Amino acid sequence: MTARSPDGAARKASGIVDVFAPPTDLGDKWNAMKAALRRGDVDAALQFIRIDSRQRYREMFTHLTVDLAQIDTVLTDIKPVKIDAMGAEFEMLRVEDGKTYSYFVLFVRDYDGIWRVKSF
């Protein structure tokens, strides 16, 4: 960029602009995680979970009271709410006892730069 000072002298400056490209595959990652759970492959499902959250989710996945083949009754489809460079917020709707409940699903960039589920 070139700018002029009040005395008319030209000044040049340059910089790096990091343009955020929102991830477009998070719904696919959610579905792949659910597919792994339906197969009973907890280790494969954990690859879609943030690294520092995996142990907690391993315990949760192995102690679910629902049959993993029926995981879609618990982990339903997700819809994007807000996506920015810090994270991607999704909503998961589930009907329980005739009432619809909304659950928050958060994806973040992991330590290796890959977008993964942080919490749901």
Protein backbone atom coordinates (compact mmCIF):
# COMPACT_ATOMS: atom_id res chain seq x y z
CA MET A 1 0.00 0.00 0.00
CA THR A 2 1.20 3.51 -0.69
CA ALA A 3 0.11 6.48 1.40
CA ARG A 4 1.06 10.14 1.23
CA SER A 5 2.10 12.18 4.24
CA PRO A 6 0.85 15.78 4.69
CA ASP A 7 4.01 17.04 2.98
CA GLY A 8 3.26 14.86 -0.07
CA ALA A 9 5.98 12.27 0.49
CA ALA A 10 5.00 8.76 -0.50
CA ARG A 11 5.20 6.06 2.13
CA LYS A 12 4.94 2.38 1.31
CA ALA A 13 3.83 -0.35 3.67
CA SER A 14 3.17 -4.02 3.21
CA GLY A 15 1.66 -6.72 5.33
CA ILE A 16 0.20 -10.16 5.32
CA VAL A 17 -3.53 -10.62 5.40
CA ASP A 18 -4.85 -13.96 6.59
CA VAL A 19 -8.20 -14.42 4.91
CA PHE A 20 -10.35 -16.87 6.83
CA ALA A 21 -11.86 -19.56 4.66
CA PRO A 22 -14.65 -21.17 6.65
CA PRO A 23 -14.56 -24.96 6.76
CA THR A 24 -17.18 -26.61 4.58
CA ASP A 25 -16.77 -30.23 5.67
CA LEU A 26 -17.82 -30.11 9.33
CA GLY A 27 -21.19 -31.74 8.69
CA ASP A 28 -19.35 -34.52 6.85
CA LYS A 29 -17.00 -34.96 9.81
CA TRP A 30 -19.97 -35.17 12.19
CA ASN A 31 -21.59 -37.81 9.99
CA ALA A 32 -18.32 -39.76 9.69
CA MET A 33 -17.97 -39.75 13.48
CA LYS A 34 -21.52 -41.11 13.81
CA ALA A 35 -20.86 -43.74 11.13
CA ALA A 36 -17.81 -44.94 13.08
CA LEU A 37 -19.91 -45.18 16.24
CA ARG A 38 -22.63 -47.12 14.40
CA ARG A 39 -19.94 -49.64 13.43
CA GLY A 40 -18.80 -49.79 17.07
CA ASP A 41 -15.41 -48.28 16.14
CA VAL A 42 -14.86 -45.87 19.02
CA ASP A 43 -11.20 -45.28 18.06
CA ALA A 44 -12.20 -44.13 14.57
CA ALA A 45 -14.91 -41.87 16.02
CA LEU A 46 -12.38 -40.27 18.36
CA GLN A 47 -10.34 -39.07 15.38
CA PHE A 48 -13.06 -36.43 14.91
CA ILE A 49 -12.79 -35.26 18.54
CA ARG A 50 -10.31 -32.62 19.70
CA ILE A 51 -7.13 -34.30 20.94
CA ASP A 52 -7.36 -33.03 24.53
CA SER A 53 -11.02 -34.12 24.79
CA ARG A 54 -10.62 -37.68 23.52
CA GLN A 55 -10.30 -39.47 26.85
CA ARG A 56 -13.50 -37.88 28.15
CA TYR A 57 -15.37 -38.82 24.97
CA ARG A 58 -13.87 -42.33 24.94
CA GLU A 59 -15.44 -42.89 28.37
CA MET A 60 -18.73 -41.40 27.24
CA PHE A 61 -18.87 -43.45 24.01
CA THR A 62 -18.04 -46.72 25.78
CA HIS A 63 -20.65 -46.13 28.50
CA LEU A 64 -23.57 -45.05 26.33
CA THR A 65 -26.82 -46.74 27.25
CA VAL A 66 -28.05 -46.64 23.64
CA ASP A 67 -26.89 -49.33 21.23
CA LEU A 68 -24.21 -47.74 19.05
CA ALA A 69 -26.02 -48.98 15.95
CA GLN A 70 -28.82 -46.59 16.99
CA ILE A 71 -26.54 -43.59 17.63
CA ASP A 72 -28.58 -41.39 15.27
CA THR A 73 -31.36 -41.32 17.85
CA VAL A 74 -28.98 -39.56 20.25
CA LEU A 75 -26.63 -37.70 17.92
CA THR A 76 -28.93 -36.19 15.33
CA ASP A 77 -28.11 -34.00 12.33
CA ILE A 78 -26.48 -30.63 12.97
CA LYS A 79 -27.11 -27.19 11.47
CA PRO A 80 -24.59 -24.32 11.42
CA VAL A 81 -25.31 -21.36 13.66
CA LYS A 82 -22.07 -19.35 13.57
CA ILE A 83 -18.71 -20.03 11.95
CA ASP A 84 -15.63 -17.86 12.35
CA ALA A 85 -11.88 -18.30 12.74
CA MET A 86 -12.26 -19.15 16.44
CA GLY A 87 -14.81 -21.93 16.09
CA ALA A 88 -17.90 -23.27 14.43
CA GLU A 89 -21.12 -23.44 16.44
CA PHE A 90 -23.80 -25.89 15.38
CA GLU A 91 -27.21 -26.82 16.73
CA MET A 92 -28.39 -30.39 17.17
CA LEU A 93 -32.13 -30.87 17.71
CA ARG A 94 -33.44 -33.97 19.43
CA VAL A 95 -36.96 -34.97 20.45
CA GLU A 96 -37.22 -36.45 23.94
CA ASP A 97 -40.56 -37.42 25.46
CA GLY A 98 -42.39 -35.39 22.82
CA LYS A 99 -40.38 -32.21 23.42
CA THR A 100 -37.72 -30.80 21.11
CA TYR A 101 -34.41 -29.91 22.74
CA SER A 102 -31.55 -27.95 21.23
CA TYR A 103 -27.96 -29.03 21.92
CA PHE A 104 -24.81 -27.04 21.21
CA VAL A 105 -22.04 -28.65 19.12
CA LEU A 106 -18.70 -26.82 18.89
CA PHE A 107 -15.93 -27.46 16.38
CA VAL A 108 -12.52 -25.79 16.78
CA ARG A 109 -9.16 -26.00 15.09
CA ASP A 110 -7.06 -28.53 16.93
CA TYR A 111 -3.35 -28.23 17.69
CA ASP A 112 -2.53 -29.67 14.27
CA GLY A 113 -4.81 -27.22 12.44
CA ILE A 114 -7.55 -29.78 11.73
CA TRP A 115 -11.12 -28.84 12.65
CA ARG A 116 -12.53 -31.27 15.21
CA VAL A 117 -15.40 -31.48 17.69
CA LYS A 118 -14.52 -29.81 20.96
CA SER A 119 -17.81 -30.40 22.71
CA PHE A 120 -21.41 -31.44 22.32
